[in-house]
Amino acid sequence: MARSINQVILMGRLTRDPEMRSTTTGKSIASFSLAVDRQSQDDQADFFDITAWEKLGELANQYLSKGRRCLVQGRLRQDSWDDKETGKKRSRIEVVATDITFLDGPNGDGGGNNASASSSQPSKSKDVVIDDIDDKPIDLSEIPF
């Protein structure tokens, strides 16, 4: 019998700054909305409510803001309740994030996805240049596996 799968991957821009709150047990939650452009139609987007818990939510709150791009991986969750005013059944679907990749640099310049980009210490990475690349075909018998 096949297992069930509940997984979603979204890439878009935040429509508002993340909003932090905490549960009665002290767990932190960040909520924000993501606009994902439709590829087939101009000037149309789908909007998704995102919830990130604890450390992931704290990082989202610290590094994300309205207009920033990110990639969210998570699962869908449906809430149902009775509307107190009308008495009708209401429901909504949200994405519970399990991973968030920051796609814009700290200034919204598309410059990377690491959260340490806003650190005050300079980066110590060096560019590596390889000069001796030839265009010979690869002999597959030399691969050890």
C-alpha atoms as a PDB file:
ATOM      1  CA  MET A   1       0.000   0.000   0.000  1.00  0.00           C
ATOM      2  CA  ALA A   2       1.324   3.454  -0.906  1.00  0.00           C
ATOM      3  CA  ARG A   3       2.145   6.015   1.757  1.00  0.00           C
ATOM      4  CA  SER A   4       0.484   9.391   1.817  1.00  0.00           C
ATOM      5  CA  ILE A   5       2.558  12.442   0.888  1.00  0.00           C
ATOM      6  CA  ASN A   6       1.949  15.986   2.051  1.00  0.00           C
ATOM      7  CA  GLN A   7       4.732  18.200   0.752  1.00  0.00           C
ATOM      8  CA  VAL A   8       4.777  21.586  -0.926  1.00  0.00           C
ATOM      9  CA  ILE A   9       7.571  23.785  -2.321  1.00  0.00           C
ATOM     10  CA  LEU A  10       6.855  27.452  -3.039  1.00  0.00           C
ATOM     11  CA  MET A  11       9.061  30.278  -4.275  1.00  0.00           C
ATOM     12  CA  GLY A  12       7.827  33.851  -4.165  1.00  0.00           C
ATOM     13  CA  ARG A  13       7.886  37.213  -2.425  1.00  0.00           C
ATOM     14  CA  LEU A  14       6.595  38.125   1.021  1.00  0.00           C
ATOM     15  CA  THR A  15       3.470  40.274   0.894  1.00  0.00           C
ATOM     16  CA  ARG A  16       3.986  41.497   4.465  1.00  0.00           C
ATOM     17  CA  ASP A  17       6.573  41.402   7.220  1.00  0.00           C
ATOM     18  CA  PRO A  18       6.562  38.244   9.350  1.00  0.00           C
ATOM     19  CA  GLU A  19       4.415  38.516  12.484  1.00  0.00           C
ATOM     20  CA  MET A  20       5.802  36.856  15.626  1.00  0.00           C
ATOM     21  CA  ARG A  21       3.667  35.478  18.433  1.00  0.00           C
ATOM     22  CA  SER A  22       4.003  32.701  20.972  1.00  0.00           C
ATOM     23  CA  THR A  23       1.805  29.920  22.301  1.00  0.00           C
ATOM     24  CA  THR A  24       0.763  29.580  25.931  1.00  0.00           C
ATOM     25  CA  THR A  25       3.548  26.995  26.332  1.00  0.00           C
ATOM     26  CA  GLY A  26       6.153  29.493  25.080  1.00  0.00           C
ATOM     27  CA  LYS A  27       6.745  28.187  21.553  1.00  0.00           C
ATOM     28  CA  SER A  28       7.348  30.972  19.026  1.00  0.00           C
ATOM     29  CA  ILE A  29       5.474  31.172  15.715  1.00  0.00           C
ATOM     30  CA  ALA A  30       6.114  33.413  12.726  1.00  0.00           C
ATOM     31  CA  SER A  31       3.351  33.989  10.184  1.00  0.00           C
ATOM     32  CA  PHE A  32       3.668  35.622   6.784  1.00  0.00           C
ATOM     33  CA  SER A  33       2.131  35.492   3.344  1.00  0.00           C
ATOM     34  CA  LEU A  34       3.872  34.539   0.105  1.00  0.00           C
ATOM     35  CA  ALA A  35       2.873  35.675  -3.398  1.00  0.00           C
ATOM     36  CA  VAL A  36       3.785  33.166  -6.111  1.00  0.00           C
ATOM     37  CA  ASP A  37       3.513  34.423  -9.695  1.00  0.00           C
ATOM     38  CA  ARG A  38       1.643  32.223 -12.156  1.00  0.00           C
ATOM     39  CA  GLN A  39       3.868  31.324 -15.082  1.00  0.00           C
ATOM     40  CA  SER A  40       1.096  30.967 -17.623  1.00  0.00           C
ATOM     41  CA  GLN A  41      -0.712  34.265 -16.996  1.00  0.00           C
ATOM     42  CA  ASP A  42       0.601  37.826 -16.726  1.00  0.00           C
ATOM     43  CA  ASP A  43       0.075  39.906 -13.601  1.00  0.00           C
ATOM     44  CA  GLN A  44      -1.584  37.124 -11.627  1.00  0.00           C
ATOM     45  CA  ALA A  45      -0.345  35.439  -8.485  1.00  0.00           C
ATOM     46  CA  ASP A  46      -1.440  32.921  -5.904  1.00  0.00           C
ATOM     47  CA  PHE A  47      -1.180  33.870  -2.231  1.00  0.00           C
ATOM     48  CA  PHE A  48      -0.269  31.424   0.531  1.00  0.00           C
ATOM     49  CA  ASP A  49      -0.290  31.814   4.311  1.00  0.00           C
ATOM     50  CA  ILE A  50       2.934  30.439   5.820  1.00  0.00           C
ATOM     51  CA  THR A  51       3.585  29.441   9.445  1.00  0.00           C
ATOM     52  CA  ALA A  52       7.093  28.745  10.744  1.00  0.00           C
ATOM     53  CA  TRP A  53       7.619  27.380  14.252  1.00  0.00           C
ATOM     54  CA  GLU A  54      10.320  27.987  16.863  1.00  0.00           C
ATOM     55  CA  LYS A  55      13.903  28.536  15.550  1.00  0.00           C
ATOM     56  CA  LEU A  56      12.817  28.550  11.903  1.00  0.00           C
ATOM     57  CA  GLY A  57      10.190  31.171  12.697  1.00  0.00           C
ATOM     58  CA  GLU A  58      12.701  33.277  14.603  1.00  0.00           C
ATOM     59  CA  LEU A  59      15.101  33.202  11.635  1.00  0.00           C
ATOM     60  CA  ALA A  60      12.295  34.123   9.231  1.00  0.00           C
ATOM     61  CA  ASN A  61      11.319  37.031  11.457  1.00  0.00           C
ATOM     62  CA  GLN A  62      14.937  38.194  11.692  1.00  0.00           C
ATOM     63  CA  TYR A  63      15.939  37.965   8.022  1.00  0.00           C
ATOM     64  CA  LEU A  64      12.747  38.263   5.961  1.00  0.00           C
ATOM     65  CA  SER A  65      10.656  41.349   5.252  1.00  0.00           C
ATOM     66  CA  LYS A  66       7.982  42.466   2.812  1.00  0.00           C
ATOM     67  CA  GLY A  67       9.139  42.094  -0.801  1.00  0.00           C
ATOM     68  CA  ARG A  68      11.997  39.682  -0.062  1.00  0.00           C
ATOM     69  CA  ARG A  69      12.158  36.454  -2.069  1.00  0.00           C
ATOM     70  CA  CYS A  70      12.336  33.052  -0.418  1.00  0.00           C
ATOM     71  CA  LEU A  71      11.784  29.387  -1.097  1.00  0.00           C
ATOM     72  CA  VAL A  72       9.553  27.601   1.409  1.00  0.00           C
ATOM     73  CA  GLN A  73       9.344  23.839   1.835  1.00  0.00           C
ATOM     74  CA  GLY A  74       6.687  22.417   4.081  1.00  0.00           C
ATOM     75  CA  ARG A  75       3.364  20.652   4.393  1.00  0.00           C
ATOM     76  CA  LEU A  76      -0.248  21.724   3.987  1.00  0.00           C
ATOM     77  CA  ARG A  77      -2.459  22.003   7.062  1.00  0.00           C
ATOM     78  CA  GLN A  78      -6.201  22.647   7.103  1.00  0.00           C
ATOM     79  CA  ASP A  79      -8.011  24.405   9.956  1.00  0.00           C
ATOM     80  CA  SER A  80     -11.790  24.227  10.406  1.00  0.00           C
ATOM     81  CA  TRP A  81     -13.981  26.209  12.810  1.00  0.00           C
ATOM     82  CA  ASP A  82     -17.492  27.571  13.292  1.00  0.00           C
ATOM     83  CA  ASP A  83     -17.834  31.310  12.651  1.00  0.00           C
ATOM     84  CA  LYS A  84     -19.122  32.887  15.882  1.00  0.00           C
ATOM     85  CA  GLU A  85     -20.991  35.658  14.038  1.00  0.00           C
ATOM     86  CA  THR A  86     -22.687  33.656  11.288  1.00  0.00           C
ATOM     87  CA  GLY A  87     -22.564  30.145  12.730  1.00  0.00           C
ATOM     88  CA  LYS A  88     -21.260  28.809   9.386  1.00  0.00           C
ATOM     89  CA  LYS A  89     -18.421  26.336   9.033  1.00  0.00           C
ATOM     90  CA  ARG A  90     -15.171  28.054   7.988  1.00  0.00           C
ATOM     91  CA  SER A  91     -11.860  26.578   6.902  1.00  0.00           C
ATOM     92  CA  ARG A  92      -8.486  27.639   5.589  1.00  0.00           C
ATOM     93  CA  ILE A  93      -5.361  25.945   4.344  1.00  0.00           C
ATOM     94  CA  GLU A  94      -1.889  27.095   5.369  1.00  0.00           C
ATOM     95  CA  VAL A  95       1.659  25.924   4.746  1.00  0.00           C
ATOM     96  CA  VAL A  96       3.606  24.815   7.806  1.00  0.00           C
ATOM     97  CA  ALA A  97       7.223  25.499   6.838  1.00  0.00           C
ATOM     98  CA  THR A  98       9.886  22.878   7.484  1.00  0.00           C
ATOM     99  CA  ASP A  99      12.664  24.771   5.644  1.00  0.00           C
ATOM    100  CA  ILE A 100      13.073  28.323   4.334  1.00  0.00           C
ATOM    101  CA  THR A 101      15.789  29.407   1.911  1.00  0.00           C
ATOM    102  CA  PHE A 102      16.476  33.146   1.788  1.00  0.00           C
ATOM    103  CA  LEU A 103      16.964  34.072  -1.877  1.00  0.00           C
ATOM    104  CA  ASP A 104      17.727  37.786  -1.597  1.00  0.00           C
ATOM    105  CA  GLY A 105      20.801  39.320  -0.019  1.00  0.00           C
ATOM    106  CA  PRO A 106      20.437  41.522   3.048  1.00  0.00           C
ATOM    107  CA  ASN A 107      19.691  44.545   0.859  1.00  0.00           C
ATOM    108  CA  GLY A 108      17.246  42.705  -1.415  1.00  0.00           C
ATOM    109  CA  ASP A 109      19.926  42.399  -4.097  1.00  0.00           C
ATOM    110  CA  GLY A 110      19.599  38.693  -4.901  1.00  0.00           C
ATOM    111  CA  GLY A 111      23.061  38.202  -3.475  1.00  0.00           C
ATOM    112  CA  GLY A 112      22.739  34.919  -1.643  1.00  0.00           C
ATOM    113  CA  ASN A 113      20.881  32.729   0.736  1.00  0.00           C
ATOM    114  CA  ASN A 114      23.003  32.621   3.871  1.00  0.00           C
ATOM    115  CA  ALA A 115      21.780  34.268   7.020  1.00  0.00           C
ATOM    116  CA  SER A 116      25.318  35.268   8.012  1.00  0.00           C
ATOM    117  CA  ALA A 117      25.417  37.832   5.192  1.00  0.00           C
ATOM    118  CA  SER A 118      24.375  40.529   7.663  1.00  0.00           C
ATOM    119  CA  SER A 119      27.278  39.734   9.992  1.00  0.00           C
ATOM    120  CA  SER A 120      29.738  42.532  10.716  1.00  0.00           C
ATOM    121  CA  GLN A 121      32.767  40.345   9.944  1.00  0.00           C
ATOM    122  CA  PRO A 122      34.039  40.310   6.344  1.00  0.00           C
ATOM    123  CA  SER A 123      33.860  37.141   4.304  1.00  0.00           C
ATOM    124  CA  LYS A 124      37.126  35.210   3.962  1.00  0.00           C
ATOM    125  CA  SER A 125      36.254  33.172   0.851  1.00  0.00           C
ATOM    126  CA  LYS A 126      38.690  33.145  -2.068  1.00  0.00           C
ATOM    127  CA  ASP A 127      37.978  32.553  -5.732  1.00  0.00           C
ATOM    128  CA  VAL A 128      39.545  29.408  -7.140  1.00  0.00           C
ATOM    129  CA  VAL A 129      40.774  29.492 -10.733  1.00  0.00           C
ATOM    130  CA  ILE A 130      41.490  26.224 -12.545  1.00  0.00           C
ATOM    131  CA  ASP A 131      43.769  26.671 -15.560  1.00  0.00           C
ATOM    132  CA  ASP A 132      44.518  23.119 -16.685  1.00  0.00           C
ATOM    133  CA  ILE A 133      41.097  21.919 -17.915  1.00  0.00           C
ATOM    134  CA  ASP A 134      41.214  19.952 -21.156  1.00  0.00           C
ATOM    135  CA  ASP A 135      38.372  18.898 -23.421  1.00  0.00           C
ATOM    136  CA  LYS A 136      39.291  15.192 -23.532  1.00  0.00           C
ATOM    137  CA  PRO A 137      36.373  12.773 -23.118  1.00  0.00           C
ATOM    138  CA  ILE A 138      36.059  11.073 -19.744  1.00  0.00           C
ATOM    139  CA  ASP A 139      37.027   7.381 -19.640  1.00  0.00           C
ATOM    140  CA  LEU A 140      34.247   5.716 -17.636  1.00  0.00           C
ATOM    141  CA  SER A 141      36.442   2.728 -16.807  1.00  0.00           C
ATOM    142  CA  GLU A 142      38.550   4.998 -14.559  1.00  0.00           C
ATOM    143  CA  ILE A 143      35.617   5.727 -12.236  1.00  0.00           C
ATOM    144  CA  PRO A 144      36.068   3.564  -9.104  1.00  0.00           C
ATOM    145  CA  PHE A 145      32.412   2.655  -8.534  1.00  0.00           C
END
